[in-house]
Amino acid sequence: MKKNICIVEDNRDLREAMSLMVQFTENYELVCAYENAEIAIASIPSLAIDAVLMDINLPQESGIECVAKLKMI
């Protein structure tokens, strides 16, 4: 069974590269990729995600704060 992955990364090139790596890995499925914490917090709770690859240095709200909020939902 494939693991569902989400990526949260503000750097577009890095986000796209990470997305490709996940897509080409046999046991993982890329479900979503977001550019900021606000979109991630609004979207991730409604998805069946197994793991999030989170940038900790996001603009406005850090990845650490984002993870903390996601854990409370």
N, C-alpha and C. Protein backbone atom coordinates (compact mmCIF):
# COMPACT_ATOMS: atom_id res chain seq x y z
N MET A 1 0.83 -1.18 0.00
CA MET A 1 0.00 0.00 0.00
C MET A 1 0.88 1.25 0.00
N LYS A 2 0.59 2.18 -0.88
CA LYS A 2 1.38 3.40 -0.97
C LYS A 2 1.06 4.35 0.18
N LYS A 3 2.07 5.08 0.61
CA LYS A 3 1.91 6.11 1.64
C LYS A 3 1.58 7.44 0.94
N ASN A 4 0.59 8.14 1.46
CA ASN A 4 0.19 9.44 0.90
C ASN A 4 1.04 10.55 1.50
N ILE A 5 1.66 11.34 0.63
CA ILE A 5 2.62 12.37 1.03
C ILE A 5 2.12 13.75 0.62
N CYS A 6 2.38 14.73 1.49
CA CYS A 6 2.12 16.14 1.18
C CYS A 6 3.43 16.90 1.38
N ILE A 7 3.66 17.89 0.53
CA ILE A 7 4.86 18.73 0.63
C ILE A 7 4.42 20.16 0.90
N VAL A 8 5.09 20.82 1.84
CA VAL A 8 4.86 22.25 2.10
C VAL A 8 6.22 22.92 1.99
N GLU A 9 6.41 23.67 0.92
CA GLU A 9 7.70 24.31 0.61
C GLU A 9 7.43 25.58 -0.19
N ASP A 10 7.99 26.71 0.25
CA ASP A 10 7.73 27.97 -0.44
C ASP A 10 8.59 28.16 -1.70
N ASN A 11 9.72 27.50 -1.78
CA ASN A 11 10.58 27.62 -2.96
C ASN A 11 10.01 26.72 -4.06
N ARG A 12 9.52 27.34 -5.13
CA ARG A 12 8.84 26.60 -6.19
C ARG A 12 9.71 25.52 -6.81
N ASP A 13 10.96 25.85 -7.12
CA ASP A 13 11.84 24.87 -7.75
C ASP A 13 12.09 23.66 -6.85
N LEU A 14 12.31 23.92 -5.58
CA LEU A 14 12.54 22.83 -4.63
C LEU A 14 11.27 22.01 -4.44
N ARG A 15 10.12 22.70 -4.34
CA ARG A 15 8.84 22.00 -4.21
C ARG A 15 8.59 21.08 -5.40
N GLU A 16 8.88 21.56 -6.60
CA GLU A 16 8.68 20.75 -7.80
C GLU A 16 9.66 19.57 -7.85
N ALA A 17 10.90 19.80 -7.44
CA ALA A 17 11.89 18.72 -7.43
C ALA A 17 11.50 17.65 -6.41
N MET A 18 11.08 18.07 -5.24
CA MET A 18 10.65 17.12 -4.21
C MET A 18 9.41 16.36 -4.68
N SER A 19 8.51 17.05 -5.36
CA SER A 19 7.31 16.41 -5.89
C SER A 19 7.67 15.31 -6.87
N LEU A 20 8.60 15.60 -7.75
CA LEU A 20 9.04 14.59 -8.73
C LEU A 20 9.68 13.40 -8.04
N MET A 21 10.49 13.64 -7.02
CA MET A 21 11.13 12.54 -6.31
C MET A 21 10.09 11.63 -5.66
N VAL A 22 9.07 12.22 -5.06
CA VAL A 22 8.02 11.42 -4.43
C VAL A 22 7.24 10.65 -5.49
N GLN A 23 6.91 11.32 -6.59
CA GLN A 23 6.12 10.68 -7.64
C GLN A 23 6.84 9.49 -8.26
N PHE A 24 8.15 9.54 -8.31
CA PHE A 24 8.92 8.46 -8.93
C PHE A 24 9.39 7.41 -7.92
N THR A 25 8.92 7.52 -6.69
CA THR A 25 9.24 6.52 -5.68
C THR A 25 8.06 5.56 -5.58
N GLU A 26 8.35 4.29 -5.70
CA GLU A 26 7.32 3.27 -5.84
C GLU A 26 6.31 3.22 -4.69
N ASN A 27 6.74 3.39 -3.47
CA ASN A 27 5.87 3.20 -2.32
C ASN A 27 5.19 4.46 -1.81
N TYR A 28 5.33 5.56 -2.55
CA TYR A 28 4.74 6.83 -2.10
C TYR A 28 3.88 7.43 -3.20
N GLU A 29 2.86 8.16 -2.77
CA GLU A 29 2.00 8.87 -3.70
C GLU A 29 1.91 10.33 -3.25
N LEU A 30 2.20 11.24 -4.16
CA LEU A 30 2.08 12.66 -3.85
C LEU A 30 0.61 13.05 -3.93
N VAL A 31 0.07 13.51 -2.82
CA VAL A 31 -1.33 13.92 -2.77
C VAL A 31 -1.46 15.42 -3.00
N CYS A 32 -0.52 16.19 -2.44
CA CYS A 32 -0.60 17.64 -2.58
C CYS A 32 0.76 18.27 -2.32
N ALA A 33 0.92 19.49 -2.81
CA ALA A 33 2.12 20.28 -2.57
C ALA A 33 1.69 21.74 -2.44
N TYR A 34 2.01 22.34 -1.30
CA TYR A 34 1.56 23.70 -1.01
C TYR A 34 2.75 24.63 -0.83
N GLU A 35 2.50 25.91 -1.06
CA GLU A 35 3.58 26.90 -0.98
C GLU A 35 3.64 27.66 0.34
N ASN A 36 2.63 27.50 1.19
CA ASN A 36 2.69 28.19 2.48
C ASN A 36 1.86 27.47 3.54
N ALA A 37 2.09 27.86 4.78
CA ALA A 37 1.43 27.20 5.92
C ALA A 37 -0.07 27.44 5.92
N GLU A 38 -0.50 28.61 5.53
CA GLU A 38 -1.92 28.94 5.58
C GLU A 38 -2.75 27.99 4.70
N ILE A 39 -2.29 27.76 3.49
CA ILE A 39 -2.99 26.85 2.59
C ILE A 39 -2.93 25.42 3.14
N ALA A 40 -1.78 25.04 3.66
CA ALA A 40 -1.62 23.69 4.20
C ALA A 40 -2.58 23.46 5.36
N ILE A 41 -2.68 24.40 6.28
CA ILE A 41 -3.56 24.26 7.44
C ILE A 41 -5.02 24.16 7.01
N ALA A 42 -5.38 24.90 5.98
CA ALA A 42 -6.76 24.86 5.49
C ALA A 42 -7.09 23.57 4.74
N SER A 43 -6.10 22.94 4.13
CA SER A 43 -6.35 21.82 3.23
C SER A 43 -6.02 20.44 3.79
N ILE A 44 -4.91 20.32 4.48
CA ILE A 44 -4.42 19.01 4.90
C ILE A 44 -5.39 18.23 5.79
N PRO A 45 -6.08 18.86 6.74
CA PRO A 45 -6.97 18.07 7.60
C PRO A 45 -8.06 17.29 6.86
N SER A 46 -8.45 17.74 5.70
CA SER A 46 -9.51 17.03 4.96
C SER A 46 -8.96 15.92 4.06
N LEU A 47 -7.65 15.73 4.05
CA LEU A 47 -7.02 14.73 3.21
C LEU A 47 -6.49 13.56 4.04
N ALA A 48 -6.36 12.41 3.42
CA ALA A 48 -5.79 11.24 4.09
C ALA A 48 -4.29 11.22 3.84
N ILE A 49 -3.54 11.94 4.67
CA ILE A 49 -2.10 12.10 4.50
C ILE A 49 -1.37 11.24 5.54
N ASP A 50 -0.35 10.51 5.08
CA ASP A 50 0.47 9.72 5.99
C ASP A 50 1.67 10.49 6.51
N ALA A 51 2.21 11.40 5.68
CA ALA A 51 3.39 12.16 6.08
C ALA A 51 3.42 13.49 5.33
N VAL A 52 3.98 14.50 6.00
CA VAL A 52 4.15 15.83 5.40
C VAL A 52 5.64 16.16 5.40
N LEU A 53 6.16 16.53 4.24
CA LEU A 53 7.53 17.04 4.15
C LEU A 53 7.41 18.54 4.28
N MET A 54 7.84 19.08 5.43
CA MET A 54 7.58 20.47 5.80
C MET A 54 8.87 21.30 5.83
N ASP A 55 8.84 22.41 5.13
CA ASP A 55 9.91 23.41 5.22
C ASP A 55 9.73 24.14 6.55
N ILE A 56 10.76 24.23 7.36
CA ILE A 56 10.60 24.91 8.65
C ILE A 56 10.78 26.41 8.53
N ASN A 57 11.32 26.89 7.42
CA ASN A 57 11.56 28.32 7.24
C ASN A 57 10.58 28.93 6.24
N LEU A 58 9.30 28.74 6.47
CA LEU A 58 8.29 29.32 5.60
C LEU A 58 8.09 30.80 5.94
N PRO A 59 7.68 31.59 4.97
CA PRO A 59 7.39 33.00 5.26
C PRO A 59 6.11 33.12 6.09
N GLN A 60 5.99 34.15 6.85
CA GLN A 60 4.84 34.48 7.69
C GLN A 60 4.66 33.52 8.85
N GLU A 61 4.41 32.24 8.59
CA GLU A 61 4.24 31.26 9.66
C GLU A 61 5.21 30.12 9.42
N SER A 62 6.02 29.80 10.41
CA SER A 62 7.05 28.79 10.22
C SER A 62 6.43 27.39 10.07
N GLY A 63 7.22 26.50 9.52
CA GLY A 63 6.79 25.12 9.40
C GLY A 63 6.56 24.47 10.75
N ILE A 64 7.33 24.88 11.74
CA ILE A 64 7.17 24.35 13.10
C ILE A 64 5.80 24.76 13.65
N GLU A 65 5.43 26.02 13.47
CA GLU A 65 4.11 26.48 13.91
C GLU A 65 3.00 25.77 13.14
N CYS A 66 3.22 25.55 11.86
CA CYS A 66 2.25 24.87 11.02
C CYS A 66 2.01 23.44 11.51
N VAL A 67 3.07 22.72 11.80
CA VAL A 67 2.95 21.36 12.29
C VAL A 67 2.20 21.33 13.63
N ALA A 68 2.52 22.28 14.50
CA ALA A 68 1.84 22.35 15.79
C ALA A 68 0.34 22.54 15.61
N LYS A 69 -0.05 23.41 14.69
CA LYS A 69 -1.47 23.65 14.43
C LYS A 69 -2.13 22.42 13.80
N LEU A 70 -1.43 21.76 12.89
CA LEU A 70 -1.99 20.57 12.26
C LEU A 70 -2.19 19.44 13.27
N LYS A 71 -1.32 19.34 14.24
CA LYS A 71 -1.45 18.30 15.25
C LYS A 71 -2.69 18.54 16.14
N MET A 72 -3.07 19.80 16.31
CA MET A 72 -4.23 20.12 17.17
C MET A 72 -5.57 19.87 16.44
N ILE A 73 -5.52 19.76 15.12
CA ILE A 73 -6.76 19.60 14.36
C ILE A 73 -7.15 18.15 14.33
